[in-house]
Amino acid sequence: MSIAKLGSFVVVGLIAAAALLEVFHVNGSAPTAVDGVPARASFQVIDGDTLRTAEGERIRLIGIDAPELPPRARCARETELALAAKDRLTDLVEGATHIATTPRPDEPDRDRYDRLLRDVSVDGVDVGEILVSEGLAKVWRGRKSAWCCPSSAPRDDPSAQQAWLHRGRWRATCAIRRS
């Protein structure tokens, strides 16, 4: 076999190998976290704003407030939203190819429950912003948010409910859900 022919086999082989590696990288590689740890193995979703690492460290998503799961939920609506927030955070974490946790220099490192306070992003997108934009969390304002509608909210008349919502502070928490 001539050197030219051997060289062409080597080139074709290298191109094929590179193509296979690229396909594996895009379609088959394990998601990675900050230190190259597989993301699915490194985070467990506790609720809509808390993760746990494989090492047991709890991470609180900084800057947001998600509804509480039972038994701390104050109404059925809060429970429904809490489960939806937890499911959405799980989807984001499990579907990620890269997860980053970043402290904020102007914030404390830990909260009163000894959880790390971190911005969390998946594939370069802030998870807290996603949850807030989808109505599954609120921007943290220094205290827990209200997730339950007061009993005085109109229930049967959508136009009356919309008018009531726009008058008061319950606007964001009592939005009508449409299927």
Foldseek 3Di string as FASTA:
>chain_A
DDPVVVVVVVVVVVVVVVVVVVCCLVPPDFAAEPVRDRQVQAWDQPWLAWIAGNVGAIEGEPFKAFQDDPPVHPDPQSNVLGVVSSVVVVCQRRPANYKYWADDPVDDQADPVRHGYTFIDGPPHTSRVVCCVVLRIHGDPPDHDDQDDDPPQDDPDVVSNCVVLVVDPCVSRDDDDDD
